[in-house]
Each structure stands twice: as C-alpha cells, then as structure tokens.
Amino acid sequence: MVLVPAGSFQMGDSFNEVDSDEKPVHTVFVSAFYMDKYELTPCGTRWRTGQQRTATTSNPEMVTVRRWIIRSTASRGIKR
C-alpha cells in the first residue's frame, strides 16, 4: 500500500462540457489515506476461493477482500 498525502484540488467543470451537477468549480480537500499500489483484478481474488471472480463481485465479497488486505498489510507494519 502507498500513502496518498493530504491535499486539495479543483473539482468541477468550467468549460460547460458536462452535466450541470458538475458545476461550479470548487476546491476539495482530501485527508491522507492509504491505497493499494496495484489494482485488484478479478484474477487477483483467487486467494479466497481458488476460482476467478467476475466483474460483478458482490459488496459482501469485497468487504471480505478488504478485511483480508487490512490483516495482511497490518502484519507487515502498515497501518490503516
């Protein structure tokens, strides 16, 4: 996992090229957080069942994957 530092960015559209709910441009602040360095693909979920998962993995299954990732990274000294 990698640390994404806190910061701010401009969000929205100032060119009138998108939907009205994307205006006005405004500043968004994001707190620091950790993110997996690599994307979890359907093939990457084989750890649980031995079978490749589909793109329609349910929310409870992803919660299980998330818990496993937290436990495995915590054992390597990475805090969430």
N, C-alpha and C. Protein backbone atom coordinates (compact mmCIF):
# COMPACT_ATOMS: atom_id res chain seq x y z
N MET A 1 0.85 -1.17 0.00
CA MET A 1 0.00 0.00 0.00
C MET A 1 0.89 1.24 0.00
N VAL A 2 0.36 2.29 -0.53
CA VAL A 2 1.11 3.54 -0.57
C VAL A 2 0.28 4.64 0.08
N LEU A 3 0.98 5.59 0.67
CA LEU A 3 0.31 6.72 1.30
C LEU A 3 0.03 7.79 0.24
N VAL A 4 -1.22 8.18 0.15
CA VAL A 4 -1.60 9.31 -0.69
C VAL A 4 -1.70 10.50 0.25
N PRO A 5 -0.83 11.50 0.10
CA PRO A 5 -0.82 12.60 1.06
C PRO A 5 -2.07 13.48 0.96
N ALA A 6 -2.34 14.16 2.05
CA ALA A 6 -3.46 15.11 2.07
C ALA A 6 -3.19 16.23 1.08
N GLY A 7 -4.24 16.80 0.58
CA GLY A 7 -4.08 17.91 -0.34
C GLY A 7 -5.42 18.41 -0.85
N SER A 8 -5.36 19.39 -1.70
CA SER A 8 -6.59 19.94 -2.27
C SER A 8 -6.46 19.99 -3.78
N PHE A 9 -7.61 20.02 -4.44
CA PHE A 9 -7.63 20.13 -5.90
C PHE A 9 -8.92 20.81 -6.32
N GLN A 10 -8.94 21.29 -7.54
CA GLN A 10 -10.12 21.92 -8.09
C GLN A 10 -10.98 20.86 -8.76
N MET A 11 -12.25 20.83 -8.41
CA MET A 11 -13.18 19.85 -8.95
C MET A 11 -14.34 20.57 -9.60
N GLY A 12 -14.76 20.09 -10.75
CA GLY A 12 -15.89 20.70 -11.44
C GLY A 12 -15.54 21.02 -12.87
N ASP A 13 -16.47 21.64 -13.56
CA ASP A 13 -16.29 21.95 -14.97
C ASP A 13 -16.46 23.45 -15.19
N SER A 14 -15.48 24.03 -15.83
CA SER A 14 -15.58 25.46 -16.13
C SER A 14 -15.76 25.71 -17.62
N PHE A 15 -15.89 24.63 -18.41
CA PHE A 15 -16.00 24.77 -19.86
C PHE A 15 -17.40 24.45 -20.37
N ASN A 16 -18.34 24.20 -19.45
CA ASN A 16 -19.71 23.86 -19.83
C ASN A 16 -19.78 22.66 -20.77
N GLU A 17 -18.92 21.68 -20.53
CA GLU A 17 -18.89 20.50 -21.38
C GLU A 17 -19.51 19.28 -20.70
N VAL A 18 -20.00 19.44 -19.49
CA VAL A 18 -20.54 18.30 -18.76
C VAL A 18 -21.89 18.65 -18.15
N ASP A 19 -22.41 17.75 -17.36
CA ASP A 19 -23.72 17.95 -16.74
C ASP A 19 -23.70 19.09 -15.72
N SER A 20 -24.88 19.62 -15.46
CA SER A 20 -24.98 20.77 -14.56
C SER A 20 -24.58 20.45 -13.13
N ASP A 21 -24.64 19.17 -12.72
CA ASP A 21 -24.26 18.84 -11.35
C ASP A 21 -22.75 18.83 -11.14
N GLU A 22 -21.99 19.12 -12.18
CA GLU A 22 -20.53 19.17 -12.07
C GLU A 22 -20.02 20.60 -12.00
N LYS A 23 -20.90 21.55 -11.80
CA LYS A 23 -20.53 22.95 -11.67
C LYS A 23 -20.97 23.44 -10.31
N PRO A 24 -20.47 24.47 -9.80
CA PRO A 24 -19.32 25.23 -10.28
C PRO A 24 -18.02 24.55 -9.85
N VAL A 25 -16.93 25.05 -10.40
CA VAL A 25 -15.62 24.58 -9.97
C VAL A 25 -15.45 24.97 -8.51
N HIS A 26 -14.98 24.03 -7.70
CA HIS A 26 -14.79 24.30 -6.28
C HIS A 26 -13.59 23.52 -5.77
N THR A 27 -13.04 23.98 -4.66
CA THR A 27 -11.87 23.34 -4.06
C THR A 27 -12.33 22.21 -3.16
N VAL A 28 -11.68 21.06 -3.31
CA VAL A 28 -11.98 19.89 -2.48
C VAL A 28 -10.71 19.54 -1.72
N PHE A 29 -10.84 19.31 -0.41
CA PHE A 29 -9.71 18.88 0.41
C PHE A 29 -9.88 17.41 0.73
N VAL A 30 -8.80 16.65 0.56
CA VAL A 30 -8.82 15.22 0.83
C VAL A 30 -7.79 14.93 1.92
N SER A 31 -8.21 14.23 2.96
CA SER A 31 -7.29 13.80 4.01
C SER A 31 -6.36 12.72 3.46
N ALA A 32 -5.22 12.52 4.10
CA ALA A 32 -4.29 11.48 3.69
C ALA A 32 -4.95 10.11 3.85
N PHE A 33 -4.61 9.18 2.96
CA PHE A 33 -5.15 7.83 3.05
C PHE A 33 -4.20 6.86 2.37
N TYR A 34 -4.37 5.59 2.67
CA TYR A 34 -3.59 4.55 2.03
C TYR A 34 -4.40 3.92 0.92
N MET A 35 -3.72 3.56 -0.17
CA MET A 35 -4.38 2.92 -1.30
C MET A 35 -3.49 1.78 -1.77
N ASP A 36 -4.12 0.72 -2.23
CA ASP A 36 -3.33 -0.37 -2.78
C ASP A 36 -2.51 0.14 -3.94
N LYS A 37 -1.29 -0.33 -4.03
CA LYS A 37 -0.40 0.10 -5.10
C LYS A 37 -0.84 -0.48 -6.44
N TYR A 38 -1.43 -1.67 -6.39
CA TYR A 38 -1.84 -2.34 -7.62
C TYR A 38 -3.34 -2.59 -7.59
N GLU A 39 -3.93 -2.54 -8.76
CA GLU A 39 -5.36 -2.79 -8.90
C GLU A 39 -5.69 -4.24 -8.54
N LEU A 40 -6.80 -4.43 -7.86
CA LEU A 40 -7.27 -5.78 -7.57
C LEU A 40 -8.16 -6.21 -8.73
N THR A 41 -7.66 -7.11 -9.53
CA THR A 41 -8.40 -7.58 -10.70
C THR A 41 -9.22 -8.80 -10.33
N PRO A 42 -10.15 -9.22 -11.19
CA PRO A 42 -10.89 -10.46 -10.90
C PRO A 42 -9.95 -11.65 -10.67
N CYS A 43 -8.85 -11.71 -11.40
CA CYS A 43 -7.89 -12.80 -11.19
C CYS A 43 -7.25 -12.70 -9.81
N GLY A 44 -7.12 -11.50 -9.31
CA GLY A 44 -6.48 -11.30 -8.02
C GLY A 44 -7.32 -11.74 -6.84
N THR A 45 -8.57 -12.09 -7.07
CA THR A 45 -9.42 -12.54 -5.97
C THR A 45 -9.40 -14.06 -5.81
N ARG A 46 -8.58 -14.75 -6.55
CA ARG A 46 -8.50 -16.21 -6.44
C ARG A 46 -8.04 -16.67 -5.08
N TRP A 47 -7.38 -15.82 -4.32
CA TRP A 47 -6.87 -16.20 -3.00
C TRP A 47 -7.95 -16.78 -2.11
N ARG A 48 -9.18 -16.36 -2.30
CA ARG A 48 -10.27 -16.75 -1.40
C ARG A 48 -10.90 -18.08 -1.77
N THR A 49 -11.20 -18.29 -3.02
CA THR A 49 -11.96 -19.48 -3.42
C THR A 49 -11.20 -20.40 -4.35
N GLY A 50 -10.08 -19.94 -4.86
CA GLY A 50 -9.37 -20.73 -5.85
C GLY A 50 -9.97 -20.57 -7.23
N GLN A 51 -11.03 -19.77 -7.34
CA GLN A 51 -11.68 -19.55 -8.63
C GLN A 51 -11.63 -18.07 -8.96
N GLN A 52 -11.54 -17.81 -10.25
CA GLN A 52 -11.54 -16.41 -10.69
C GLN A 52 -12.92 -15.81 -10.48
N ARG A 53 -12.96 -14.62 -9.91
CA ARG A 53 -14.23 -13.93 -9.69
C ARG A 53 -14.59 -13.13 -10.92
N THR A 54 -15.84 -12.79 -11.05
CA THR A 54 -16.29 -11.98 -12.17
C THR A 54 -16.25 -10.51 -11.79
N ALA A 55 -16.52 -9.66 -12.76
CA ALA A 55 -16.54 -8.22 -12.50
C ALA A 55 -17.74 -7.83 -11.65
N THR A 56 -18.67 -8.75 -11.43
CA THR A 56 -19.87 -8.43 -10.65
C THR A 56 -19.76 -8.95 -9.22
N THR A 57 -18.56 -8.92 -8.67
CA THR A 57 -18.36 -9.35 -7.29
C THR A 57 -19.25 -8.53 -6.37
N SER A 58 -19.93 -9.20 -5.46
CA SER A 58 -20.88 -8.51 -4.58
C SER A 58 -20.17 -7.71 -3.50
N ASN A 59 -20.90 -6.79 -2.91
CA ASN A 59 -20.35 -5.96 -1.84
C ASN A 59 -19.86 -6.80 -0.66
N PRO A 60 -20.63 -7.80 -0.17
CA PRO A 60 -20.11 -8.61 0.94
C PRO A 60 -18.78 -9.29 0.60
N GLU A 61 -18.62 -9.73 -0.64
CA GLU A 61 -17.35 -10.34 -1.02
C GLU A 61 -16.22 -9.32 -0.99
N MET A 62 -16.48 -8.10 -1.43
CA MET A 62 -15.43 -7.08 -1.42
C MET A 62 -15.09 -6.67 0.00
N VAL A 63 -16.07 -6.71 0.91
CA VAL A 63 -15.78 -6.43 2.32
C VAL A 63 -14.82 -7.48 2.85
N THR A 64 -15.03 -8.74 2.46
CA THR A 64 -14.14 -9.82 2.87
C THR A 64 -12.74 -9.59 2.32
N VAL A 65 -12.65 -9.20 1.06
CA VAL A 65 -11.35 -8.91 0.44
C VAL A 65 -10.67 -7.77 1.18
N ARG A 66 -11.42 -6.72 1.49
CA ARG A 66 -10.86 -5.56 2.20
C ARG A 66 -10.32 -5.97 3.57
N ARG A 67 -11.08 -6.78 4.29
CA ARG A 67 -10.62 -7.23 5.61
C ARG A 67 -9.33 -8.04 5.50
N TRP A 68 -9.27 -8.89 4.48
CA TRP A 68 -8.06 -9.70 4.27
C TRP A 68 -6.87 -8.79 3.98
N ILE A 69 -7.06 -7.79 3.14
CA ILE A 69 -5.98 -6.85 2.80
C ILE A 69 -5.52 -6.12 4.05
N ILE A 70 -6.46 -5.66 4.88
CA ILE A 70 -6.10 -4.94 6.11
C ILE A 70 -5.28 -5.84 7.02
N ARG A 71 -5.72 -7.09 7.20
CA ARG A 71 -4.98 -8.01 8.07
C ARG A 71 -3.59 -8.30 7.50
N SER A 72 -3.51 -8.52 6.20
CA SER A 72 -2.21 -8.88 5.62
C SER A 72 -1.24 -7.70 5.63
N THR A 73 -1.73 -6.48 5.44
CA THR A 73 -0.83 -5.33 5.47
C THR A 73 -0.47 -4.96 6.90
N ALA A 74 -1.39 -5.17 7.84
CA ALA A 74 -1.09 -4.88 9.25
C ALA A 74 0.03 -5.78 9.75
N SER A 75 0.06 -7.01 9.25
CA SER A 75 1.12 -7.93 9.67
C SER A 75 2.49 -7.49 9.16
N ARG A 76 2.49 -6.60 8.17
CA ARG A 76 3.75 -6.07 7.64
C ARG A 76 4.04 -4.68 8.18
N GLY A 77 3.29 -4.26 9.19
CA GLY A 77 3.56 -2.98 9.83
C GLY A 77 2.90 -1.79 9.16
N ILE A 78 1.99 -2.02 8.23
CA ILE A 78 1.30 -0.92 7.56
C ILE A 78 0.01 -0.67 8.31
N LYS A 79 -0.17 0.57 8.75
CA LYS A 79 -1.38 0.92 9.49
C LYS A 79 -2.39 1.52 8.55
N ARG A 80 -3.65 1.29 8.86
CA ARG A 80 -4.68 1.88 8.01
C ARG A 80 -5.12 3.20 8.56
